[in-house]
Amino acid sequence: MYQDIEYQVNDRIAIISINRPKVLNAIRVQTYKDIIAALQSADADDAVSVIVMTGAEGKFTAGNDLRDLLTDGDLEGVRDGVAGIFDTLGGLEKPLILAQEGVAVGIGANLLLHADLAYAGKSIRYSLPFAKIGVAAEGGSSVMLAEAIGPKNAADLLLTGRFFSAAEAEKWGLLNAAVEDGKALETAMTTAAELLKNHQGSLKAIKALGRAEGHRERLNIAVKAEMGAFTDLLATPETQMRIQHVLKGGK
């Protein structure tokens, strides 16, 4: 059923694992489709109470597969994938827990803004490298990141595109805890098991009430504006040159 992820349900916990380890679990159009379908399936399944998302072989994700962003790539598929995944996350009713190791770039870091709980190995490297490759921020981060960690910290991460650490993410409240490397999934599963002891209706109500009124609609408006700017920038020769440089091994 799924090409780019592994999906399983164990004891009312749905586990979604991005599974493209040869490319550091980079997210292509098919990966978006698989993640969206898995999230929707888990949210609709009465046998699932908590959702855990992770990545195969000790890496979370290197972000968008840059080959999709070349002039001959599937930009429409990327736009639909980005819009679809964040609309799904914006309407998700059940708790979502992230278990991240190794690297979480672009959307991998942005997911911290959309998960209810998050754990990461202490040596993980995060980055929001949109300015480095010449595109706009995505996933609602253009507005949500400043609200989460403050405008100056958000500007630092988005304008420089620098790597930041699990310790910084924990300090800002983006992570619940930075744990020993290799222990993020174990920690997430332990937390998920604790949530299973609670009233499932309460979990849904608490999550729903914790969102600002109109959250999903506001997120969709932000994502649409971001992808408009993203598309315009992607069409420029400089951005295409920057993407080609990264694909050839440049930094």
Protein backbone atom coordinates (compact mmCIF):
# COMPACT_ATOMS: atom_id res chain seq x y z
CA MET A 1 0.00 0.00 0.00
CA TYR A 2 2.83 2.42 0.87
CA GLN A 3 6.01 2.92 -1.16
CA ASP A 4 8.06 5.39 0.89
CA ILE A 5 6.99 4.75 4.48
CA GLU A 6 6.42 1.88 6.85
CA TYR A 7 3.12 1.89 8.71
CA GLN A 8 2.11 -0.36 11.57
CA VAL A 9 -0.27 -0.35 14.49
CA ASN A 10 0.87 -1.88 17.77
CA ASP A 11 -1.34 -1.79 20.86
CA ARG A 12 -3.32 1.25 19.65
CA ILE A 13 -0.19 3.16 18.65
CA ALA A 14 0.23 3.91 14.93
CA ILE A 15 3.88 4.19 13.88
CA ILE A 16 4.73 6.04 10.66
CA SER A 17 8.37 5.69 9.59
CA ILE A 18 9.77 7.55 6.59
CA ASN A 19 11.66 4.83 4.73
CA ARG A 20 14.04 6.17 2.08
CA PRO A 21 17.31 5.68 3.97
CA LYS A 22 19.53 5.75 0.86
CA VAL A 23 18.64 9.43 0.42
CA LEU A 24 18.48 10.28 4.15
CA ASN A 25 14.69 9.80 4.03
CA ALA A 26 14.28 12.78 1.71
CA ILE A 27 10.63 13.49 1.00
CA ARG A 28 9.54 13.22 -2.62
CA VAL A 29 6.00 13.60 -3.97
CA GLN A 30 5.19 9.93 -3.33
CA THR A 31 6.42 10.29 0.26
CA TYR A 32 4.00 13.16 0.83
CA LYS A 33 1.16 11.04 -0.53
CA ASP A 34 2.10 8.13 1.73
CA ILE A 35 2.44 10.25 4.88
CA ILE A 36 -0.86 12.03 4.23
CA ALA A 37 -2.67 8.74 3.67
CA ALA A 38 -1.12 7.18 6.79
CA LEU A 39 -1.98 10.15 9.00
CA GLN A 40 -5.55 10.17 7.74
CA SER A 41 -5.86 6.41 8.16
CA ALA A 42 -4.54 6.52 11.73
CA ASP A 43 -6.78 9.44 12.66
CA ALA A 44 -9.87 7.63 11.34
CA ASP A 45 -9.01 4.22 12.82
CA ASP A 46 -10.86 3.40 16.05
CA ALA A 47 -8.06 0.95 16.87
CA VAL A 48 -5.54 3.84 17.04
CA SER A 49 -5.29 6.29 19.92
CA VAL A 50 -1.82 7.83 19.44
CA ILE A 51 0.36 8.46 16.37
CA VAL A 52 4.16 8.29 16.42
CA MET A 53 6.24 9.52 13.48
CA THR A 54 9.90 8.66 12.95
CA GLY A 55 12.48 7.89 10.24
CA ALA A 56 14.29 4.73 9.20
CA GLU A 57 17.88 3.84 10.05
CA GLY A 58 18.65 6.60 12.51
CA LYS A 59 17.71 9.56 10.32
CA PHE A 60 14.47 11.53 10.41
CA THR A 61 14.55 13.33 7.05
CA ALA A 62 16.81 15.49 4.91
CA GLY A 63 13.73 17.48 3.87
CA ASN A 64 12.31 17.88 0.37
CA ASP A 65 13.93 15.77 -2.32
CA LEU A 66 15.56 18.61 -4.25
CA ARG A 67 15.24 16.75 -7.55
CA ASP A 68 11.53 17.55 -7.44
CA LEU A 69 12.40 21.26 -7.36
CA LEU A 70 14.38 21.34 -10.59
CA THR A 71 12.79 22.85 -13.68
CA ASP A 72 11.93 19.37 -14.95
CA GLY A 73 10.71 18.20 -11.54
CA ASP A 74 7.17 17.75 -10.23
CA LEU A 75 6.55 21.16 -8.69
CA GLU A 76 2.78 20.77 -8.82
CA GLY A 77 3.12 17.51 -6.91
CA VAL A 78 5.30 19.23 -4.31
CA ARG A 79 2.76 22.04 -3.89
CA ASP A 80 -0.06 19.54 -3.48
CA GLY A 81 2.02 17.47 -1.07
CA VAL A 82 2.97 20.41 1.14
CA ALA A 83 -0.58 21.76 1.16
CA GLY A 84 -1.99 18.32 1.84
CA ILE A 85 0.29 17.32 4.67
CA PHE A 86 -0.14 20.55 6.61
CA ASP A 87 -3.89 20.63 6.06
CA THR A 88 -3.99 17.06 7.42
CA LEU A 89 -1.83 18.01 10.40
CA GLY A 90 -4.01 21.06 11.01
CA GLY A 91 -7.08 18.85 11.33
CA LEU A 92 -5.49 15.88 13.10
CA GLU A 93 -7.59 14.89 16.11
CA LYS A 94 -5.28 12.39 17.82
CA PRO A 95 -1.99 13.15 19.59
CA LEU A 96 1.07 13.13 17.33
CA ILE A 97 4.49 12.35 18.80
CA LEU A 98 7.76 12.85 16.89
CA ALA A 99 10.81 10.62 17.41
CA GLN A 100 13.73 12.20 15.55
CA GLU A 101 17.34 11.14 15.10
CA GLY A 102 20.29 12.18 12.98
CA VAL A 103 19.00 14.97 10.79
CA ALA A 104 15.74 16.89 10.44
CA VAL A 105 15.93 19.47 7.65
CA GLY A 106 13.22 21.69 6.18
CA ILE A 107 9.87 20.02 6.70
CA GLY A 108 11.58 17.68 9.17
CA ALA A 109 12.27 20.64 11.45
CA ASN A 110 8.95 22.32 10.63
CA LEU A 111 7.06 19.30 11.93
CA LEU A 112 8.11 20.36 15.44
CA LEU A 113 5.53 23.15 15.12
CA HIS A 114 2.74 20.68 14.39
CA ALA A 115 3.40 17.76 16.73
CA ASP A 116 1.97 17.58 20.24
CA LEU A 117 5.09 16.01 21.72
CA ALA A 118 8.60 15.57 20.35
CA TYR A 119 11.80 13.77 21.34
CA ALA A 120 15.14 13.75 19.55
CA GLY A 121 18.58 12.22 19.89
CA LYS A 122 20.90 14.80 21.40
CA SER A 123 23.25 14.95 18.39
CA ILE A 124 20.48 15.61 15.81
CA ARG A 125 21.09 18.46 13.39
CA TYR A 126 18.12 20.67 12.52
CA SER A 127 17.99 23.22 9.73
CA LEU A 128 15.48 25.42 7.91
CA PRO A 129 17.68 26.05 4.84
CA PHE A 130 15.11 27.76 2.63
CA ALA A 131 17.13 30.97 2.14
CA LYS A 132 20.26 28.95 1.39
CA ILE A 133 18.66 27.19 -1.56
CA GLY A 134 16.71 30.28 -2.62
CA VAL A 135 13.08 29.54 -1.75
CA ALA A 136 10.54 30.74 0.83
CA ALA A 137 9.76 29.18 4.18
CA GLU A 138 7.04 26.52 4.19
CA GLY A 139 4.72 24.63 6.50
CA GLY A 140 3.40 27.73 8.21
CA SER A 141 6.83 28.44 9.69
CA SER A 142 6.78 31.96 8.27
CA VAL A 143 4.31 32.87 11.02
CA MET A 144 4.20 29.95 13.47
CA LEU A 145 7.92 29.80 14.23
CA ALA A 146 8.04 33.37 15.54
CA GLU A 147 4.99 32.66 17.69
CA ALA A 148 6.66 29.54 19.09
CA ILE A 149 10.19 30.75 19.80
CA GLY A 150 10.08 34.54 19.42
CA PRO A 151 10.65 36.72 16.36
CA LYS A 152 14.41 37.17 16.77
CA ASN A 153 15.10 33.46 17.19
CA ALA A 154 12.82 32.69 14.24
CA ALA A 155 14.54 35.28 12.07
CA ASP A 156 17.91 33.82 13.02
CA LEU A 157 16.92 30.31 11.91
CA LEU A 158 15.02 31.32 8.77
CA LEU A 159 17.32 34.05 7.47
CA THR A 160 20.60 32.22 8.09
CA GLY A 161 19.41 28.67 7.44
CA ARG A 162 22.02 27.54 9.96
CA PHE A 163 22.00 24.21 11.71
CA PHE A 164 20.64 24.22 15.24
CA SER A 165 20.86 21.61 17.93
CA ALA A 166 18.53 19.50 20.02
CA ALA A 167 19.64 21.52 23.03
CA GLU A 168 18.47 24.74 21.37
CA ALA A 169 15.20 23.15 20.26
CA GLU A 170 14.61 21.92 23.80
CA LYS A 171 15.44 25.35 25.27
CA TRP A 172 12.86 26.97 22.97
CA GLY A 173 10.19 24.42 23.82
CA LEU A 174 10.15 22.81 20.37
CA LEU A 175 11.27 19.52 21.95
CA ASN A 176 10.02 17.89 25.12
CA ALA A 177 13.45 16.36 25.63
CA ALA A 178 16.77 15.72 23.95
CA VAL A 179 17.60 12.11 24.78
CA GLU A 180 20.54 9.78 24.26
CA ASP A 181 21.15 9.05 20.60
CA GLY A 182 19.13 6.07 19.44
CA LYS A 183 16.58 6.46 22.24
CA ALA A 184 14.11 8.89 20.64
CA LEU A 185 11.68 6.24 19.39
CA GLU A 186 11.86 4.29 22.64
CA THR A 187 11.10 7.48 24.58
CA ALA A 188 8.23 8.38 22.24
CA MET A 189 6.74 4.90 22.58
CA THR A 190 6.99 5.05 26.38
CA THR A 191 5.16 8.39 26.34
CA ALA A 192 2.56 7.02 23.92
CA ALA A 193 1.94 4.10 26.28
CA GLU A 194 1.35 6.59 29.09
CA LEU A 195 -1.22 8.42 26.97
CA LEU A 196 -3.06 5.16 26.37
CA LYS A 197 -3.87 5.04 30.09
CA ASN A 198 -5.88 8.24 29.80
CA HIS A 199 -9.40 8.88 28.53
CA GLN A 200 -9.14 8.98 24.74
CA GLY A 201 -11.96 11.51 24.43
CA SER A 202 -10.09 13.75 26.83
CA LEU A 203 -6.94 13.58 24.71
CA LYS A 204 -8.86 14.69 21.64
CA ALA A 205 -10.66 17.45 23.51
CA ILE A 206 -7.47 18.78 25.07
CA LYS A 207 -5.75 18.84 21.68
CA ALA A 208 -8.71 20.55 19.99
CA LEU A 209 -9.14 23.16 22.72
CA GLY A 210 -5.43 23.94 22.72
CA ARG A 211 -5.61 25.18 19.16
CA ALA A 212 -6.48 28.76 18.40
CA GLU A 213 -9.86 29.34 16.81
CA GLY A 214 -9.58 28.90 13.04
CA HIS A 215 -6.18 27.23 13.35
CA ARG A 216 -6.56 24.96 10.33
CA GLU A 217 -7.86 27.74 8.09
CA ARG A 218 -5.13 30.12 9.22
CA LEU A 219 -2.47 27.48 8.59
CA ASN A 220 -3.80 26.80 5.11
CA ILE A 221 -3.75 30.52 4.27
CA ALA A 222 -0.13 30.76 5.44
CA VAL A 223 0.91 27.66 3.49
CA LYS A 224 -0.78 28.95 0.32
CA ALA A 225 1.05 32.28 0.57
CA GLU A 226 4.34 30.54 1.32
CA MET A 227 4.02 28.21 -1.67
CA GLY A 228 3.20 31.15 -3.92
CA ALA A 229 6.48 32.83 -2.96
CA PHE A 230 8.23 29.45 -3.04
CA THR A 231 7.08 28.88 -6.63
CA ASP A 232 8.07 32.37 -7.79
CA LEU A 233 11.56 32.03 -6.33
CA LEU A 234 11.97 28.52 -7.69
CA ALA A 235 11.57 29.85 -11.22
CA THR A 236 14.60 32.14 -10.89
CA PRO A 237 17.95 31.10 -12.40
CA GLU A 238 19.78 31.75 -9.13
CA THR A 239 17.58 29.37 -7.17
CA GLN A 240 17.95 26.66 -9.82
CA MET A 241 21.72 27.17 -9.69
CA ARG A 242 21.73 26.87 -5.91
CA ILE A 243 19.71 23.65 -6.01
CA GLN A 244 22.00 22.16 -8.63
CA HIS A 245 25.00 23.09 -6.48
CA VAL A 246 23.55 21.26 -3.47
CA LEU A 247 22.67 18.21 -5.56
CA LYS A 248 26.27 18.07 -6.77
CA GLY A 249 27.47 17.91 -3.17
CA GLY A 250 27.95 21.59 -2.43
CA LYS A 251 27.01 23.27 0.83
